[in-house]
């Protein structure tokens, strides 16, 4: 059986670059992609409405792209503005959904979930997944992806999930070369966009082109 969560090379590299650009900060972002039709869902206990996320998804998730969000403490207005932008983008891009969130903790020794970001995932996304960048494994000499994956088991409980990175060895090498080429300096997150409305492209299309050129 194929892994439940797959991550594209570009998405993986941009998550790594986001963490590298802000080594002393917690970074957070959004996962865009596709999911197969749901075959099993479980409503949170006591909630029979159609609002809010469902707890358990038996669908595979393909993370095609990421949108770096913040490198500072999370503010509600920033999150709301970002989701307005991304919801509009997904409506325009047929077949693209917000499938989850990613994060990297500030402290090297902190391997726990970002509880606030996880709560935003359950509030904003149906059937969300979480990807954690393990900052202790960020290295130019990495030999394997530095991610952990989680899926929602119940209304407020996350469990580890299987994941794979597309062309895993190539993706790890690409991330290393991108860092050596200092491409992280050109990455913009949504927070940068709010600071520099006319110049910061939080979709990072130019960076995508540079990554493709390396490959």
C-alpha atoms as a PDB file:
ATOM      1  CA  UNK A   1       0.000   0.000   0.000  1.00  0.00           C
ATOM      2  CA  UNK A   2       1.307   3.444  -0.881  1.00  0.00           C
ATOM      3  CA  UNK A   3       2.083   5.872   1.959  1.00  0.00           C
ATOM      4  CA  UNK A   4      -0.832   7.938   3.186  1.00  0.00           C
ATOM      5  CA  UNK A   5       1.079  11.210   2.773  1.00  0.00           C
ATOM      6  CA  UNK A   6       3.426  12.030  -0.098  1.00  0.00           C
ATOM      7  CA  UNK A   7       5.488  15.209  -0.413  1.00  0.00           C
ATOM      8  CA  UNK A   8       6.862  16.668  -3.647  1.00  0.00           C
ATOM      9  CA  UNK A   9      10.542  17.550  -3.994  1.00  0.00           C
ATOM     10  CA  UNK A  10       9.749  21.247  -4.296  1.00  0.00           C
ATOM     11  CA  UNK A  11       7.507  21.261  -1.237  1.00  0.00           C
ATOM     12  CA  UNK A  12      10.144  19.474   0.824  1.00  0.00           C
ATOM     13  CA  UNK A  13      12.910  21.847  -0.226  1.00  0.00           C
ATOM     14  CA  UNK A  14      10.886  24.966   0.513  1.00  0.00           C
ATOM     15  CA  UNK A  15      10.040  23.754   4.004  1.00  0.00           C
ATOM     16  CA  UNK A  16      13.736  23.167   4.680  1.00  0.00           C
ATOM     17  CA  UNK A  17      14.665  26.576   3.250  1.00  0.00           C
ATOM     18  CA  UNK A  18      12.053  28.274   5.443  1.00  0.00           C
ATOM     19  CA  UNK A  19      13.560  26.686   8.556  1.00  0.00           C
ATOM     20  CA  UNK A  20      17.113  27.503   7.443  1.00  0.00           C
ATOM     21  CA  UNK A  21      16.287  31.149   6.737  1.00  0.00           C
ATOM     22  CA  UNK A  22      15.074  31.672  10.307  1.00  0.00           C
ATOM     23  CA  UNK A  23      17.277  29.364  12.416  1.00  0.00           C
ATOM     24  CA  UNK A  24      16.399  31.023  15.723  1.00  0.00           C
ATOM     25  CA  UNK A  25      12.651  31.186  15.112  1.00  0.00           C
ATOM     26  CA  UNK A  26       9.736  28.822  14.990  1.00  0.00           C
ATOM     27  CA  UNK A  27       8.487  28.708  11.407  1.00  0.00           C
ATOM     28  CA  UNK A  28       5.059  27.685  10.188  1.00  0.00           C
ATOM     29  CA  UNK A  29       3.415  27.177   6.833  1.00  0.00           C
ATOM     30  CA  UNK A  30       0.572  25.705   4.826  1.00  0.00           C
ATOM     31  CA  UNK A  31       0.446  22.522   2.757  1.00  0.00           C
ATOM     32  CA  UNK A  32      -1.340  22.648  -0.596  1.00  0.00           C
ATOM     33  CA  UNK A  33      -2.138  19.579  -2.621  1.00  0.00           C
ATOM     34  CA  UNK A  34      -4.640  16.898  -3.459  1.00  0.00           C
ATOM     35  CA  UNK A  35      -6.432  14.142  -1.602  1.00  0.00           C
ATOM     36  CA  UNK A  36      -8.237  11.067  -2.850  1.00  0.00           C
ATOM     37  CA  UNK A  37     -11.989  10.725  -2.204  1.00  0.00           C
ATOM     38  CA  UNK A  38     -12.675  10.045   1.450  1.00  0.00           C
ATOM     39  CA  UNK A  39     -13.824   6.548   2.260  1.00  0.00           C
ATOM     40  CA  UNK A  40     -14.244   6.786   6.006  1.00  0.00           C
ATOM     41  CA  UNK A  41     -14.921   9.698   8.299  1.00  0.00           C
ATOM     42  CA  UNK A  42     -15.565  10.026  11.958  1.00  0.00           C
ATOM     43  CA  UNK A  43     -17.304  13.062  13.393  1.00  0.00           C
ATOM     44  CA  UNK A  44     -15.969  14.509  16.653  1.00  0.00           C
ATOM     45  CA  UNK A  45     -18.055  13.252  19.575  1.00  0.00           C
ATOM     46  CA  UNK A  46     -21.282  15.173  19.962  1.00  0.00           C
ATOM     47  CA  UNK A  47     -20.899  17.136  16.732  1.00  0.00           C
ATOM     48  CA  UNK A  48     -23.229  16.209  13.907  1.00  0.00           C
ATOM     49  CA  UNK A  49     -22.950  19.424  11.953  1.00  0.00           C
ATOM     50  CA  UNK A  50     -21.118  19.883   8.683  1.00  0.00           C
ATOM     51  CA  UNK A  51     -18.940  22.662  10.093  1.00  0.00           C
ATOM     52  CA  UNK A  52     -15.345  22.164  11.131  1.00  0.00           C
ATOM     53  CA  UNK A  53     -12.898  19.374  10.324  1.00  0.00           C
ATOM     54  CA  UNK A  54     -13.697  15.703  10.412  1.00  0.00           C
ATOM     55  CA  UNK A  55     -11.515  13.658  12.686  1.00  0.00           C
ATOM     56  CA  UNK A  56     -10.289  10.712  10.638  1.00  0.00           C
ATOM     57  CA  UNK A  57      -9.594  10.550   6.940  1.00  0.00           C
ATOM     58  CA  UNK A  58      -8.953   7.324   5.063  1.00  0.00           C
ATOM     59  CA  UNK A  59      -7.605   9.180   2.046  1.00  0.00           C
ATOM     60  CA  UNK A  60      -4.121   9.543   0.668  1.00  0.00           C
ATOM     61  CA  UNK A  61      -2.759  13.085   0.668  1.00  0.00           C
ATOM     62  CA  UNK A  62      -0.370  14.475  -1.933  1.00  0.00           C
ATOM     63  CA  UNK A  63       1.465  17.611  -0.789  1.00  0.00           C
ATOM     64  CA  UNK A  64       2.331  19.366  -4.036  1.00  0.00           C
ATOM     65  CA  UNK A  65       3.250  22.837  -2.796  1.00  0.00           C
ATOM     66  CA  UNK A  66       3.800  24.752   0.420  1.00  0.00           C
ATOM     67  CA  UNK A  67       3.171  28.359   1.371  1.00  0.00           C
ATOM     68  CA  UNK A  68       5.513  29.612   4.104  1.00  0.00           C
ATOM     69  CA  UNK A  69       3.402  31.521   6.628  1.00  0.00           C
ATOM     70  CA  UNK A  70       5.233  33.029   9.583  1.00  0.00           C
ATOM     71  CA  UNK A  71       8.489  33.202  11.514  1.00  0.00           C
ATOM     72  CA  UNK A  72       7.118  35.206  14.441  1.00  0.00           C
ATOM     73  CA  UNK A  73       4.499  34.459  17.108  1.00  0.00           C
ATOM     74  CA  UNK A  74       1.179  33.627  15.476  1.00  0.00           C
ATOM     75  CA  UNK A  75      -1.328  36.479  15.340  1.00  0.00           C
ATOM     76  CA  UNK A  76      -4.987  35.827  14.552  1.00  0.00           C
ATOM     77  CA  UNK A  77      -5.294  38.633  11.945  1.00  0.00           C
ATOM     78  CA  UNK A  78      -2.289  37.256  10.046  1.00  0.00           C
ATOM     79  CA  UNK A  79      -3.750  33.757  10.011  1.00  0.00           C
ATOM     80  CA  UNK A  80      -7.169  34.987   8.905  1.00  0.00           C
ATOM     81  CA  UNK A  81      -5.706  37.101   6.094  1.00  0.00           C
ATOM     82  CA  UNK A  82      -3.565  34.214   4.894  1.00  0.00           C
ATOM     83  CA  UNK A  83      -6.468  31.780   4.752  1.00  0.00           C
ATOM     84  CA  UNK A  84      -8.558  34.313   2.822  1.00  0.00           C
ATOM     85  CA  UNK A  85      -5.794  34.483   0.201  1.00  0.00           C
ATOM     86  CA  UNK A  86      -5.288  30.723   0.066  1.00  0.00           C
ATOM     87  CA  UNK A  87      -8.991  29.859  -0.026  1.00  0.00           C
ATOM     88  CA  UNK A  88      -9.365  32.162  -3.034  1.00  0.00           C
ATOM     89  CA  UNK A  89      -6.317  30.593  -4.676  1.00  0.00           C
ATOM     90  CA  UNK A  90      -7.656  27.066  -4.200  1.00  0.00           C
ATOM     91  CA  UNK A  91     -11.047  28.012  -5.641  1.00  0.00           C
ATOM     92  CA  UNK A  92      -9.260  29.291  -8.740  1.00  0.00           C
ATOM     93  CA  UNK A  93      -6.973  26.255  -9.000  1.00  0.00           C
ATOM     94  CA  UNK A  94      -9.312  23.338  -9.563  1.00  0.00           C
ATOM     95  CA  UNK A  95      -8.161  20.227  -7.743  1.00  0.00           C
ATOM     96  CA  UNK A  96      -5.933  22.087  -5.275  1.00  0.00           C
ATOM     97  CA  UNK A  97      -6.849  22.101  -1.592  1.00  0.00           C
ATOM     98  CA  UNK A  98      -5.368  23.209   1.695  1.00  0.00           C
ATOM     99  CA  UNK A  99      -4.477  19.764   3.051  1.00  0.00           C
ATOM    100  CA  UNK A 100      -2.545  20.634   6.202  1.00  0.00           C
ATOM    101  CA  UNK A 101       0.082  22.711   7.933  1.00  0.00           C
ATOM    102  CA  UNK A 102       3.799  22.406   8.649  1.00  0.00           C
ATOM    103  CA  UNK A 103       5.998  23.738  11.420  1.00  0.00           C
ATOM    104  CA  UNK A 104       9.495  23.729  12.867  1.00  0.00           C
ATOM    105  CA  UNK A 105       9.941  24.426  16.566  1.00  0.00           C
ATOM    106  CA  UNK A 106      12.236  27.166  17.807  1.00  0.00           C
ATOM    107  CA  UNK A 107      14.154  25.076  20.329  1.00  0.00           C
ATOM    108  CA  UNK A 108      16.512  22.424  18.974  1.00  0.00           C
ATOM    109  CA  UNK A 109      15.490  20.013  21.721  1.00  0.00           C
ATOM    110  CA  UNK A 110      11.733  20.530  21.258  1.00  0.00           C
ATOM    111  CA  UNK A 111      10.294  17.560  19.379  1.00  0.00           C
ATOM    112  CA  UNK A 112       6.701  18.151  20.430  1.00  0.00           C
ATOM    113  CA  UNK A 113       3.736  19.329  18.425  1.00  0.00           C
ATOM    114  CA  UNK A 114       3.178  23.032  17.937  1.00  0.00           C
ATOM    115  CA  UNK A 115      -0.093  22.987  19.861  1.00  0.00           C
ATOM    116  CA  UNK A 116      -1.319  26.361  18.598  1.00  0.00           C
ATOM    117  CA  UNK A 117      -0.608  25.526  14.955  1.00  0.00           C
ATOM    118  CA  UNK A 118      -2.180  22.093  15.402  1.00  0.00           C
ATOM    119  CA  UNK A 119      -5.307  23.718  16.825  1.00  0.00           C
ATOM    120  CA  UNK A 120      -5.474  26.079  13.850  1.00  0.00           C
ATOM    121  CA  UNK A 121      -5.239  23.033  11.573  1.00  0.00           C
ATOM    122  CA  UNK A 122      -8.264  21.430  13.224  1.00  0.00           C
ATOM    123  CA  UNK A 123     -10.204  24.700  13.167  1.00  0.00           C
ATOM    124  CA  UNK A 124      -9.475  25.642   9.556  1.00  0.00           C
ATOM    125  CA  UNK A 125      -8.951  22.431   7.577  1.00  0.00           C
ATOM    126  CA  UNK A 126     -11.057  19.343   7.048  1.00  0.00           C
ATOM    127  CA  UNK A 127      -9.046  16.134   7.417  1.00  0.00           C
ATOM    128  CA  UNK A 128      -5.775  18.013   8.104  1.00  0.00           C
ATOM    129  CA  UNK A 129      -2.295  16.546   8.205  1.00  0.00           C
ATOM    130  CA  UNK A 130       0.704  18.037   9.981  1.00  0.00           C
ATOM    131  CA  UNK A 131       4.335  17.888   8.903  1.00  0.00           C
ATOM    132  CA  UNK A 132       7.016  18.675  11.453  1.00  0.00           C
ATOM    133  CA  UNK A 133      10.510  19.700  10.367  1.00  0.00           C
ATOM    134  CA  UNK A 134      12.874  18.086  12.870  1.00  0.00           C
ATOM    135  CA  UNK A 135      15.340  20.907  13.360  1.00  0.00           C
ATOM    136  CA  UNK A 136      17.882  18.600  15.000  1.00  0.00           C
ATOM    137  CA  UNK A 137      18.117  16.749  11.668  1.00  0.00           C
ATOM    138  CA  UNK A 138      18.623  19.825   9.487  1.00  0.00           C
ATOM    139  CA  UNK A 139      22.065  19.361   7.954  1.00  0.00           C
ATOM    140  CA  UNK A 140      23.936  19.897   4.704  1.00  0.00           C
ATOM    141  CA  UNK A 141      25.030  16.279   5.071  1.00  0.00           C
ATOM    142  CA  UNK A 142      21.559  14.858   5.628  1.00  0.00           C
ATOM    143  CA  UNK A 143      20.944  11.433   4.134  1.00  0.00           C
ATOM    144  CA  UNK A 144      17.198  11.227   4.737  1.00  0.00           C
ATOM    145  CA  UNK A 145      14.247  13.631   4.967  1.00  0.00           C
ATOM    146  CA  UNK A 146      13.958  15.578   8.218  1.00  0.00           C
ATOM    147  CA  UNK A 147      10.181  15.347   8.586  1.00  0.00           C
ATOM    148  CA  UNK A 148       7.653  13.727  10.875  1.00  0.00           C
ATOM    149  CA  UNK A 149       4.035  13.375   9.781  1.00  0.00           C
ATOM    150  CA  UNK A 150       0.837  13.363  11.806  1.00  0.00           C
ATOM    151  CA  UNK A 151      -2.828  12.851  11.061  1.00  0.00           C
ATOM    152  CA  UNK A 152      -5.857  13.678  13.172  1.00  0.00           C
ATOM    153  CA  UNK A 153      -7.070  10.653  15.104  1.00  0.00           C
ATOM    154  CA  UNK A 154      -9.924  12.358  16.935  1.00  0.00           C
ATOM    155  CA  UNK A 155     -11.157  15.878  17.559  1.00  0.00           C
ATOM    156  CA  UNK A 156      -8.035  16.898  19.488  1.00  0.00           C
ATOM    157  CA  UNK A 157      -5.629  13.971  19.239  1.00  0.00           C
ATOM    158  CA  UNK A 158      -2.899  13.516  16.636  1.00  0.00           C
ATOM    159  CA  UNK A 159      -1.148  10.298  15.750  1.00  0.00           C
ATOM    160  CA  UNK A 160       2.021   9.579  13.730  1.00  0.00           C
ATOM    161  CA  UNK A 161       1.434   8.877  10.046  1.00  0.00           C
ATOM    162  CA  UNK A 162       3.451   7.328   7.258  1.00  0.00           C
ATOM    163  CA  UNK A 163       4.835   9.668   4.636  1.00  0.00           C
ATOM    164  CA  UNK A 164       7.207   9.640   1.694  1.00  0.00           C
ATOM    165  CA  UNK A 165       9.106  12.343  -0.155  1.00  0.00           C
ATOM    166  CA  UNK A 166       9.065  12.125  -3.937  1.00  0.00           C
ATOM    167  CA  UNK A 167      12.493  10.964  -5.169  1.00  0.00           C
ATOM    168  CA  UNK A 168      13.651  11.092  -1.571  1.00  0.00           C
ATOM    169  CA  UNK A 169      17.415  10.958  -2.146  1.00  0.00           C
ATOM    170  CA  UNK A 170      17.233  13.598  -4.868  1.00  0.00           C
ATOM    171  CA  UNK A 171      15.030  15.834  -2.708  1.00  0.00           C
ATOM    172  CA  UNK A 172      17.465  15.706   0.218  1.00  0.00           C
ATOM    173  CA  UNK A 173      20.359  16.501  -2.121  1.00  0.00           C
ATOM    174  CA  UNK A 174      18.397  19.312  -3.780  1.00  0.00           C
ATOM    175  CA  UNK A 175      17.686  20.901  -0.405  1.00  0.00           C
ATOM    176  CA  UNK A 176      21.372  20.723   0.498  1.00  0.00           C
ATOM    177  CA  UNK A 177      22.469  22.299  -2.790  1.00  0.00           C
ATOM    178  CA  UNK A 178      19.797  24.994  -2.462  1.00  0.00           C
ATOM    179  CA  UNK A 179      21.096  25.939   0.987  1.00  0.00           C
ATOM    180  CA  UNK A 180      24.683  25.985  -0.275  1.00  0.00           C
ATOM    181  CA  UNK A 181      23.522  28.294  -3.078  1.00  0.00           C
ATOM    182  CA  UNK A 182      21.866  30.483  -0.406  1.00  0.00           C
ATOM    183  CA  UNK A 183      18.439  30.187  -1.998  1.00  0.00           C
ATOM    184  CA  UNK A 184      16.858  30.434   1.441  1.00  0.00           C
ATOM    185  CA  UNK A 185      17.655  34.138   1.343  1.00  0.00           C
ATOM    186  CA  UNK A 186      15.152  34.627  -1.484  1.00  0.00           C
ATOM    187  CA  UNK A 187      12.308  32.718   0.190  1.00  0.00           C
ATOM    188  CA  UNK A 188       9.384  34.870   1.329  1.00  0.00           C
ATOM    189  CA  UNK A 189       6.670  33.917   3.775  1.00  0.00           C
ATOM    190  CA  UNK A 190       3.242  35.475   4.228  1.00  0.00           C
ATOM    191  CA  UNK A 191       4.566  37.578   7.074  1.00  0.00           C
ATOM    192  CA  UNK A 192       7.112  39.107   4.668  1.00  0.00           C
ATOM    193  CA  UNK A 193       4.255  39.743   2.241  1.00  0.00           C
ATOM    194  CA  UNK A 194       2.394  41.772   4.853  1.00  0.00           C
ATOM    195  CA  UNK A 195       5.543  43.769   5.574  1.00  0.00           C
ATOM    196  CA  UNK A 196       6.371  44.342   1.895  1.00  0.00           C
ATOM    197  CA  UNK A 197       3.094  44.161  -0.006  1.00  0.00           C
ATOM    198  CA  UNK A 198       4.567  45.003  -3.408  1.00  0.00           C
ATOM    199  CA  UNK A 199       7.686  42.843  -3.379  1.00  0.00           C
ATOM    200  CA  UNK A 200       7.311  39.660  -1.321  1.00  0.00           C
ATOM    201  CA  UNK A 201       5.787  36.762  -3.280  1.00  0.00           C
ATOM    202  CA  UNK A 202       4.756  34.236  -0.639  1.00  0.00           C
ATOM    203  CA  UNK A 203       4.071  31.673  -3.378  1.00  0.00           C
ATOM    204  CA  UNK A 204       7.792  31.923  -4.211  1.00  0.00           C
ATOM    205  CA  UNK A 205       7.400  31.337  -7.938  1.00  0.00           C
ATOM    206  CA  UNK A 206      10.881  32.637  -8.695  1.00  0.00           C
ATOM    207  CA  UNK A 207      12.335  30.309  -6.078  1.00  0.00           C
ATOM    208  CA  UNK A 208      10.434  27.409  -7.642  1.00  0.00           C
ATOM    209  CA  UNK A 209      12.098  28.193 -10.962  1.00  0.00           C
ATOM    210  CA  UNK A 210      15.535  28.261  -9.327  1.00  0.00           C
ATOM    211  CA  UNK A 211      14.909  24.882  -7.714  1.00  0.00           C
ATOM    212  CA  UNK A 212      13.799  23.424 -11.039  1.00  0.00           C
ATOM    213  CA  UNK A 213      16.958  24.791 -12.654  1.00  0.00           C
ATOM    214  CA  UNK A 214      19.086  22.900 -10.134  1.00  0.00           C
ATOM    215  CA  UNK A 215      17.350  19.644 -10.945  1.00  0.00           C
END
